[in-house]
Amino acid sequence: MTERSPDIDTPKIDAVAAPAKPVPPAEEIPLLRIQGVSKTFGSFPAVDRLSLDIRAGEFFALLGPSGCGKTTLLRMLAGFETPDEGRILLGGRDIAPVLPHERPVNMMFQNYALFPHLSVRDNIAFGLKRAGMARAAIDTRLAEMVALVKLEGMEKRKPDQLSGGQRQRVALARSLARRPKVLLLDEPLAALDKKLRESTQQELMELQRRLGMTFIVVTHDQEEAMTMANRIGVMNAGRLEQVATPRDLYEAPASRWVAEFVGDVNLFDGEVTSHEHHRLTIATRDGGAIVVAVPRQLVAKSPVSVAVRPEKVRLSRPGPVSDAANAQPINRLEGVVTDVGYLGGSSVYKVKLDSGAVVRSSMANTARLDIDTLGAGQRVVAWFTPDDCVVLEQ
């Protein structure tokens, strides 16, 4: 956890020279600007010339597989690692050379890093005491933090007398006690069970809204990122693949890699054969000719992938011929159901197409007892509309 002096609101950092062009309005200036930052360990580029803007009051998530560089980037923001190149601007000032305890940034670690011999009260107050805050001010701040994370009556307990969720709250209160401008969270919910993780996600979101503080969370859990964050930066091999809202990231992935990493997806590789009335016809190996809706022209014969999310694929025995409501064609793929997974609110089906490819479909269970459910071995038509498709250039 990083600390700063209690007597000032911002650390003493040398100002960057004023830009030659007019400064944009304050609301347009990002609170945190990462410019061309790189970090290499030996010959391994953990972060590779990464640039990113994060706004004040934003709940931002860094999402990616293990080893993609997201934690290394978080540690550079906290000051525990120094960039090999690039700048990290906080409020317009370069903090890359600034020591961790001089930054208005705190970090909550994945393992919480609580002192086992200290009480809840003393764990939360640790940084305040080190900074020399007056006792009365510490008492006031402690009361605020304990109430904020709902730990009233537990102030004298030691960490080993707390549940996993309670220890997580102590670590969060300690990180917030110094009122940082940016709170960094490294896999904060990884140690919690599913039910507790879901409730804690909602509590973190509400807490962030109440405080109006900038939160940056690192996670490999897609559902967690999409639930909590205003925007998500997807990282791969030290670089940002895409930065977008959860909805845009899911519905309009920028690449095949993002489409496969974020959620489940059916992909059909092929090439463009015709373009007419904002619709492309794509000849695919596994799905035959697929018609997709696209706003732009693509070069004929260019290789592309058609992405269709499982919930956009409907299954039926006869299968419709056209979408009468929208007067558009239907893409029909015939096959046999090979597997059905019941998930309560929905069922997931695997359909082996006549081409040999497997398509996944997720359909809501709208009735408590559905006598017309599809089972393994049944022949079906998997169908979707041109608007259900996303075209990804290879």
Protein backbone atom coordinates (compact mmCIF):
# COMPACT_ATOMS: atom_id res chain seq x y z
CA MET A 1 0.00 0.00 0.00
CA THR A 2 1.33 3.42 -0.89
CA GLU A 3 1.00 6.44 1.36
CA ARG A 4 1.16 10.25 1.17
CA SER A 5 1.39 13.13 3.58
CA PRO A 6 -1.87 13.94 5.41
CA ASP A 7 -1.19 17.67 5.33
CA ILE A 8 -1.56 18.14 1.60
CA ASP A 9 -4.05 17.02 -1.04
CA THR A 10 -1.50 16.30 -3.75
CA PRO A 11 2.15 15.23 -3.62
CA LYS A 12 4.96 17.63 -4.43
CA ILE A 13 5.79 16.73 -8.02
CA ASP A 14 7.74 18.86 -10.46
CA ALA A 15 5.34 20.30 -13.01
CA VAL A 16 5.62 19.37 -16.68
CA ALA A 17 6.34 22.30 -19.01
CA ALA A 18 3.17 24.00 -20.27
CA PRO A 19 2.04 22.84 -23.70
CA ALA A 20 2.28 25.25 -26.62
CA LYS A 21 -1.33 24.76 -27.70
CA PRO A 22 -4.33 25.91 -25.62
CA VAL A 23 -5.19 23.66 -22.70
CA PRO A 24 -8.57 21.91 -23.24
CA PRO A 25 -11.37 22.31 -20.67
CA ALA A 26 -10.80 20.42 -17.41
CA GLU A 27 -13.57 17.93 -18.15
CA GLU A 28 -11.76 16.87 -21.33
CA ILE A 29 -8.40 16.24 -19.67
CA PRO A 30 -8.05 12.64 -18.45
CA LEU A 31 -7.08 12.22 -14.81
CA LEU A 32 -4.57 9.55 -15.76
CA ARG A 33 -2.71 9.49 -19.08
CA ILE A 34 -0.33 6.64 -19.92
CA GLN A 35 1.87 7.51 -22.89
CA GLY A 36 3.95 4.90 -24.71
CA VAL A 37 4.88 3.00 -21.56
CA SER A 38 7.10 -0.09 -21.85
CA LYS A 39 8.53 -2.49 -19.29
CA THR A 40 10.84 -5.41 -20.05
CA PHE A 41 12.04 -8.15 -17.73
CA GLY A 42 15.17 -9.62 -19.28
CA SER A 43 14.17 -10.28 -22.87
CA PHE A 44 10.43 -10.48 -22.07
CA PRO A 45 8.35 -7.37 -22.92
CA ALA A 46 5.75 -7.33 -20.13
CA VAL A 47 4.25 -4.02 -21.31
CA ASP A 48 4.91 -2.89 -24.86
CA ARG A 49 4.50 0.83 -25.78
CA LEU A 50 1.08 1.04 -24.18
CA SER A 51 -0.98 4.25 -24.21
CA LEU A 52 -4.25 4.75 -22.33
CA ASP A 53 -6.40 7.58 -20.94
CA ILE A 54 -8.54 7.10 -17.81
CA ARG A 55 -11.05 9.73 -16.73
CA ALA A 56 -11.71 11.08 -13.24
CA GLY A 57 -14.42 9.17 -11.40
CA GLU A 58 -14.20 6.21 -13.77
CA PHE A 59 -14.36 2.55 -12.78
CA PHE A 60 -11.86 1.09 -15.26
CA ALA A 61 -10.94 -2.59 -15.64
CA LEU A 62 -7.79 -4.09 -17.12
CA LEU A 63 -8.80 -7.51 -18.43
CA GLY A 64 -6.60 -10.17 -19.93
CA PRO A 65 -5.09 -13.65 -19.57
CA SER A 66 -2.30 -14.46 -17.13
CA GLY A 67 1.01 -12.99 -18.21
CA CYS A 68 -0.50 -10.30 -20.46
CA GLY A 69 1.09 -7.44 -18.47
CA LYS A 70 -1.94 -6.05 -16.63
CA THR A 71 -0.46 -6.43 -13.12
CA THR A 72 2.89 -5.04 -14.28
CA LEU A 73 1.06 -1.97 -15.58
CA LEU A 74 -0.79 -1.62 -12.27
CA ARG A 75 2.48 -1.83 -10.35
CA MET A 76 3.98 0.92 -12.53
CA LEU A 77 0.99 3.11 -11.70
CA ALA A 78 1.58 2.42 -8.00
CA GLY A 79 5.32 3.09 -8.28
CA PHE A 80 6.51 -0.43 -7.48
CA GLU A 81 7.95 -0.79 -10.99
CA THR A 82 9.64 1.89 -13.10
CA PRO A 83 8.84 2.18 -16.83
CA ASP A 84 11.75 1.59 -19.20
CA GLU A 85 10.24 4.26 -21.42
CA GLY A 86 7.13 6.42 -21.64
CA ARG A 87 5.32 8.71 -19.23
CA ILE A 88 2.57 8.30 -16.63
CA LEU A 89 0.70 11.57 -16.15
CA LEU A 90 -1.61 12.03 -13.17
CA GLY A 91 -3.49 15.31 -13.27
CA GLY A 92 -1.12 16.43 -16.04
CA ARG A 93 2.04 15.71 -14.03
CA ASP A 94 4.55 12.96 -14.74
CA ILE A 95 4.65 10.57 -11.78
CA ALA A 96 6.86 7.90 -13.39
CA PRO A 97 9.95 9.06 -11.41
CA VAL A 98 7.98 9.74 -8.19
CA LEU A 99 8.38 7.37 -5.22
CA PRO A 100 5.35 5.24 -4.27
CA HIS A 101 4.68 6.94 -0.94
CA GLU A 102 4.67 10.36 -2.61
CA ARG A 103 1.91 9.49 -5.08
CA PRO A 104 -1.80 10.15 -4.43
CA VAL A 105 -2.37 6.51 -5.37
CA ASN A 106 -3.06 3.49 -3.18
CA MET A 107 -3.06 -0.18 -4.10
CA MET A 108 -5.12 -3.01 -2.65
CA PHE A 109 -3.26 -6.28 -3.11
CA GLN A 110 -4.73 -9.60 -4.11
CA ASN A 111 -3.73 -11.26 -0.82
CA TYR A 112 -4.88 -8.16 1.15
CA ALA A 113 -1.44 -7.92 2.93
CA LEU A 114 -2.98 -7.40 6.37
CA PHE A 115 -0.77 -7.41 9.48
CA PRO A 116 -1.82 -10.57 11.39
CA HIS A 117 -0.77 -9.19 14.79
CA LEU A 118 -2.77 -5.97 14.43
CA SER A 119 -6.48 -5.44 15.02
CA VAL A 120 -8.90 -4.24 12.37
CA ARG A 121 -8.58 -0.74 13.80
CA ASP A 122 -4.78 -0.76 13.77
CA ASN A 123 -4.59 -2.24 10.28
CA ILE A 124 -6.77 0.54 8.91
CA ALA A 125 -4.90 3.21 10.88
CA PHE A 126 -1.41 1.95 10.03
CA GLY A 127 -0.75 4.37 7.17
CA LEU A 128 -2.36 7.28 8.99
CA LYS A 129 -0.07 6.79 11.99
CA ARG A 130 3.03 6.49 9.82
CA ALA A 131 2.14 9.80 8.18
CA GLY A 132 1.93 11.48 11.61
CA MET A 133 -1.78 12.33 11.53
CA ALA A 134 -3.12 13.66 14.82
CA ARG A 135 -4.85 11.11 17.05
CA ALA A 136 -8.19 12.91 16.96
CA ALA A 137 -8.07 13.05 13.16
CA ILE A 138 -7.19 9.35 13.02
CA ASP A 139 -10.15 8.48 15.24
CA THR A 140 -12.49 10.47 13.01
CA ARG A 141 -11.14 8.92 9.83
CA LEU A 142 -11.31 5.42 11.34
CA ALA A 143 -14.97 5.86 12.24
CA GLU A 144 -15.68 6.97 8.67
CA MET A 145 -13.86 4.01 7.13
CA VAL A 146 -15.35 1.39 9.46
CA ALA A 147 -18.85 2.67 8.72
CA LEU A 148 -18.09 2.88 4.99
CA VAL A 149 -17.18 -0.80 4.73
CA LYS A 150 -19.70 -1.95 7.35
CA LEU A 151 -17.30 -3.34 9.96
CA GLU A 152 -18.86 -1.73 13.05
CA GLY A 153 -18.25 -3.80 16.17
CA MET A 154 -15.26 -5.66 14.67
CA GLU A 155 -12.59 -3.03 15.31
CA LYS A 156 -10.74 -5.12 17.93
CA ARG A 157 -10.67 -8.39 15.98
CA LYS A 158 -7.49 -9.76 14.41
CA PRO A 159 -7.43 -10.86 10.75
CA ASP A 160 -7.60 -14.56 11.67
CA GLN A 161 -10.91 -13.87 13.43
CA LEU A 162 -12.48 -12.54 10.22
CA SER A 163 -14.04 -14.17 7.19
CA GLY A 164 -12.53 -13.74 3.75
CA GLY A 165 -15.06 -11.06 2.88
CA GLN A 166 -14.37 -9.17 6.11
CA ARG A 167 -10.60 -9.25 5.53
CA GLN A 168 -11.22 -7.90 2.05
CA ARG A 169 -13.16 -4.98 3.58
CA VAL A 170 -10.37 -4.22 6.03
CA ALA A 171 -7.87 -4.06 3.17
CA LEU A 172 -10.23 -1.83 1.21
CA ALA A 173 -10.74 0.53 4.18
CA ARG A 174 -6.97 0.76 4.72
CA SER A 175 -6.47 1.63 1.05
CA LEU A 176 -9.18 4.30 1.14
CA ALA A 177 -8.20 5.83 4.50
CA ARG A 178 -5.64 8.14 2.88
CA ARG A 179 -8.20 9.39 0.35
CA PRO A 180 -6.13 8.72 -2.78
CA LYS A 181 -7.03 10.15 -6.17
CA VAL A 182 -6.75 6.69 -7.71
CA LEU A 183 -7.38 3.32 -6.07
CA LEU A 184 -5.69 0.33 -7.72
CA LEU A 185 -7.18 -3.12 -7.10
CA ASP A 186 -5.23 -6.24 -8.06
CA GLU A 187 -7.65 -9.19 -8.43
CA PRO A 188 -9.51 -7.95 -5.31
CA LEU A 189 -12.22 -10.64 -5.30
CA ALA A 190 -10.20 -13.67 -6.36
CA ALA A 191 -10.21 -15.26 -2.89
CA LEU A 192 -13.98 -15.01 -2.39
CA ASP A 193 -16.58 -17.65 -3.21
CA LYS A 194 -19.05 -17.03 -6.03
CA LYS A 195 -21.96 -15.72 -3.94
CA LEU A 196 -19.76 -13.42 -1.85
CA ARG A 197 -17.90 -12.27 -4.95
CA GLU A 198 -21.15 -11.22 -6.63
CA SER A 199 -22.40 -9.28 -3.59
CA THR A 200 -19.00 -7.64 -3.11
CA GLN A 201 -18.97 -6.53 -6.76
CA GLN A 202 -22.18 -4.60 -6.13
CA GLU A 203 -20.76 -3.11 -2.93
CA LEU A 204 -17.60 -1.96 -4.70
CA MET A 205 -19.65 -0.34 -7.46
CA GLU A 206 -21.84 1.48 -4.95
CA LEU A 207 -18.80 2.56 -2.92
CA GLN A 208 -17.05 3.91 -6.00
CA ARG A 209 -20.15 5.89 -6.99
CA ARG A 210 -20.53 7.35 -3.50
CA LEU A 211 -16.89 8.40 -3.27
CA GLY A 212 -16.63 9.61 -6.87
CA MET A 213 -13.11 8.18 -6.90
CA THR A 214 -11.24 6.62 -9.82
CA PHE A 215 -10.95 2.85 -9.44
CA ILE A 216 -8.69 0.73 -11.65
CA VAL A 217 -9.17 -3.00 -11.20
CA VAL A 218 -7.07 -5.80 -12.68
CA THR A 219 -8.87 -9.07 -13.32
CA HIS A 220 -8.92 -12.09 -15.60
CA ASP A 221 -12.61 -12.65 -14.81
CA GLN A 222 -14.63 -11.36 -17.78
CA GLU A 223 -17.94 -11.34 -15.93
CA GLU A 224 -16.41 -9.39 -13.06
CA ALA A 225 -14.96 -6.75 -15.40
CA MET A 226 -18.17 -6.38 -17.39
CA THR A 227 -20.29 -6.13 -14.23
CA MET A 228 -18.26 -3.46 -12.45
CA ALA A 229 -16.44 -1.33 -15.02
CA ASN A 230 -17.56 1.69 -17.03
CA ARG A 231 -14.87 0.82 -19.59
CA ILE A 232 -12.59 -2.16 -20.08
CA GLY A 233 -9.11 -2.34 -21.57
CA VAL A 234 -8.39 -5.82 -22.94
CA MET A 235 -4.68 -6.65 -22.84
CA ASN A 236 -2.75 -9.30 -24.74
CA ALA A 237 1.03 -9.78 -24.82
CA GLY A 238 1.71 -6.40 -23.22
CA ARG A 239 -0.53 -4.39 -25.54
CA LEU A 240 -4.09 -3.11 -25.53
CA GLU A 241 -6.25 -4.98 -28.00
CA GLN A 242 -9.33 -2.81 -27.41
CA VAL A 243 -10.72 -0.23 -24.97
CA ALA A 244 -14.51 0.02 -24.87
CA THR A 245 -17.62 -0.11 -22.73
CA PRO A 246 -18.68 -3.63 -21.71
CA ARG A 247 -21.51 -3.61 -24.25
CA ASP A 248 -19.36 -2.40 -27.15
CA LEU A 249 -16.61 -4.84 -26.24
CA TYR A 250 -19.04 -7.75 -26.36
CA GLU A 251 -21.22 -6.70 -29.29
CA ALA A 252 -18.53 -5.08 -31.45
CA PRO A 253 -15.15 -6.74 -30.80
CA ALA A 254 -12.30 -5.13 -32.71
CA SER A 255 -10.55 -8.38 -33.56
CA ARG A 256 -10.95 -12.12 -33.69
CA TRP A 257 -8.78 -12.43 -30.57
CA VAL A 258 -11.07 -10.13 -28.55
CA ALA A 259 -14.19 -11.91 -29.83
CA GLU A 260 -12.80 -15.26 -28.66
CA PHE A 261 -11.48 -13.97 -25.34
CA VAL A 262 -14.56 -12.03 -24.22
CA GLY A 263 -17.45 -14.45 -23.82
CA ASP A 264 -18.39 -17.39 -26.03
CA VAL A 265 -18.60 -16.95 -29.78
CA ASN A 266 -19.20 -18.95 -32.94
CA LEU A 267 -16.68 -18.11 -35.68
CA PHE A 268 -17.01 -18.90 -39.37
CA ASP A 269 -13.96 -18.25 -41.54
CA GLY A 270 -14.52 -17.34 -45.17
CA GLU A 271 -14.20 -14.68 -47.83
CA VAL A 272 -16.42 -11.93 -49.21
CA THR A 273 -18.21 -12.87 -52.43
CA SER A 274 -20.69 -10.00 -52.93
CA HIS A 275 -21.89 -6.70 -51.45
CA GLU A 276 -25.42 -5.36 -51.93
CA HIS A 277 -27.63 -2.94 -49.95
CA HIS A 278 -25.31 -2.83 -46.93
CA ARG A 279 -25.20 -6.63 -46.80
CA LEU A 280 -22.32 -8.91 -47.52
CA THR A 281 -22.47 -12.48 -48.63
CA ILE A 282 -19.59 -14.45 -47.21
CA ALA A 283 -18.70 -17.92 -48.41
CA THR A 284 -17.64 -19.91 -45.36
CA ARG A 285 -16.15 -23.36 -45.07
CA ASP A 286 -18.37 -24.53 -42.22
CA GLY A 287 -21.59 -22.55 -42.66
CA GLY A 288 -21.94 -22.14 -46.40
CA ALA A 289 -23.04 -18.71 -47.65
CA ILE A 290 -23.75 -16.38 -44.72
CA VAL A 291 -25.40 -12.99 -45.21
CA VAL A 292 -24.26 -10.28 -42.81
CA ALA A 293 -25.19 -6.62 -42.32
CA VAL A 294 -22.22 -4.25 -42.53
CA PRO A 295 -22.08 -0.45 -42.98
CA ARG A 296 -18.91 -0.46 -45.08
CA GLN A 297 -17.56 -1.95 -48.26
CA LEU A 298 -15.09 -4.82 -48.03
CA VAL A 299 -12.90 -6.02 -50.85
CA ALA A 300 -14.20 -9.11 -52.65
CA LYS A 301 -12.26 -12.29 -51.91
CA SER A 302 -10.79 -10.71 -48.76
CA PRO A 303 -10.52 -13.20 -45.87
CA VAL A 304 -12.85 -12.47 -42.95
CA SER A 305 -14.42 -14.18 -39.96
CA VAL A 306 -18.13 -14.03 -39.12
CA ALA A 307 -18.73 -13.88 -35.36
CA VAL A 308 -22.10 -14.85 -33.88
CA ARG A 309 -22.70 -14.95 -30.12
CA PRO A 310 -24.48 -18.11 -28.83
CA GLU A 311 -27.51 -16.18 -27.57
CA LYS A 312 -28.06 -14.85 -31.10
CA VAL A 313 -28.33 -18.41 -32.48
CA ARG A 314 -31.87 -19.77 -32.20
CA LEU A 315 -32.79 -23.41 -32.63
CA SER A 316 -35.98 -24.85 -34.02
CA ARG A 317 -37.18 -27.98 -35.75
CA PRO A 318 -38.54 -26.49 -39.00
CA GLY A 319 -36.63 -23.18 -38.90
CA PRO A 320 -38.01 -19.93 -40.37
CA VAL A 321 -37.39 -18.91 -43.96
CA SER A 322 -37.25 -15.17 -43.37
CA ASP A 323 -37.54 -12.57 -40.63
CA ALA A 324 -40.97 -11.17 -41.43
CA ALA A 325 -40.77 -8.43 -38.79
CA ASN A 326 -37.60 -6.93 -40.29
CA ALA A 327 -37.95 -8.16 -43.88
CA GLN A 328 -34.49 -9.64 -43.97
CA PRO A 329 -33.08 -13.05 -44.88
CA ILE A 330 -32.27 -15.73 -42.36
CA ASN A 331 -29.04 -17.70 -42.17
CA ARG A 332 -29.94 -21.38 -41.70
CA LEU A 333 -27.49 -24.09 -40.63
CA GLU A 334 -28.77 -27.65 -40.21
CA GLY A 335 -27.37 -30.19 -37.79
CA VAL A 336 -27.94 -32.45 -34.80
CA VAL A 337 -27.98 -31.54 -31.09
CA THR A 338 -25.08 -33.34 -29.40
CA ASP A 339 -25.13 -31.84 -25.91
CA VAL A 340 -27.47 -29.80 -23.68
CA GLY A 341 -26.37 -27.93 -20.56
CA TYR A 342 -29.10 -26.68 -18.20
CA LEU A 343 -28.00 -23.50 -16.37
CA GLY A 344 -31.28 -22.51 -14.74
CA GLY A 345 -32.07 -19.27 -16.52
CA SER A 346 -30.84 -20.61 -19.84
CA SER A 347 -29.80 -23.79 -21.61
CA VAL A 348 -26.67 -24.15 -23.71
CA TYR A 349 -26.85 -26.39 -26.77
CA LYS A 350 -24.08 -27.80 -28.94
CA VAL A 351 -25.13 -28.56 -32.49
CA LYS A 352 -22.96 -30.56 -34.87
CA LEU A 353 -23.58 -29.16 -38.34
CA ASP A 354 -23.70 -31.28 -41.46
CA SER A 355 -20.30 -29.77 -42.32
CA GLY A 356 -18.87 -31.26 -39.14
CA ALA A 357 -18.41 -27.94 -37.33
CA VAL A 358 -19.96 -27.39 -33.89
CA VAL A 359 -22.18 -24.37 -33.18
CA ARG A 360 -23.16 -23.24 -29.68
CA SER A 361 -26.59 -21.79 -28.90
CA SER A 362 -27.80 -20.27 -25.62
CA MET A 363 -31.54 -19.91 -25.19
CA ALA A 364 -33.55 -18.59 -22.24
CA ASN A 365 -35.71 -21.00 -20.28
CA THR A 366 -38.88 -18.90 -20.23
CA ALA A 367 -41.21 -21.58 -18.84
CA ARG A 368 -40.75 -23.51 -15.59
CA LEU A 369 -41.57 -26.79 -17.30
CA ASP A 370 -40.98 -26.80 -21.04
CA ILE A 371 -42.45 -29.89 -22.69
CA ASP A 372 -41.05 -28.82 -26.05
CA THR A 373 -37.37 -28.71 -25.12
CA LEU A 374 -34.75 -29.94 -27.54
CA GLY A 375 -32.69 -32.96 -26.59
CA ALA A 376 -29.52 -34.67 -27.71
CA GLY A 377 -29.91 -36.51 -30.98
CA GLN A 378 -32.62 -34.25 -32.39
CA ARG A 379 -32.17 -32.70 -35.80
CA VAL A 380 -32.52 -28.91 -35.73
CA VAL A 381 -31.98 -25.74 -37.70
CA ALA A 382 -29.67 -23.18 -36.10
CA TRP A 383 -30.64 -19.78 -37.47
CA PHE A 384 -29.63 -16.15 -37.06
CA THR A 385 -30.17 -12.87 -38.92
CA PRO A 386 -27.63 -10.68 -40.74
CA ASP A 387 -27.86 -8.15 -37.88
CA ASP A 388 -26.75 -10.84 -35.43
CA CYS A 389 -23.37 -11.13 -37.15
CA VAL A 390 -20.12 -9.23 -36.69
CA VAL A 391 -17.56 -9.27 -39.49
CA LEU A 392 -13.92 -9.39 -38.36
CA GLU A 393 -11.19 -8.77 -40.90
CA GLN A 394 -8.32 -11.23 -40.55
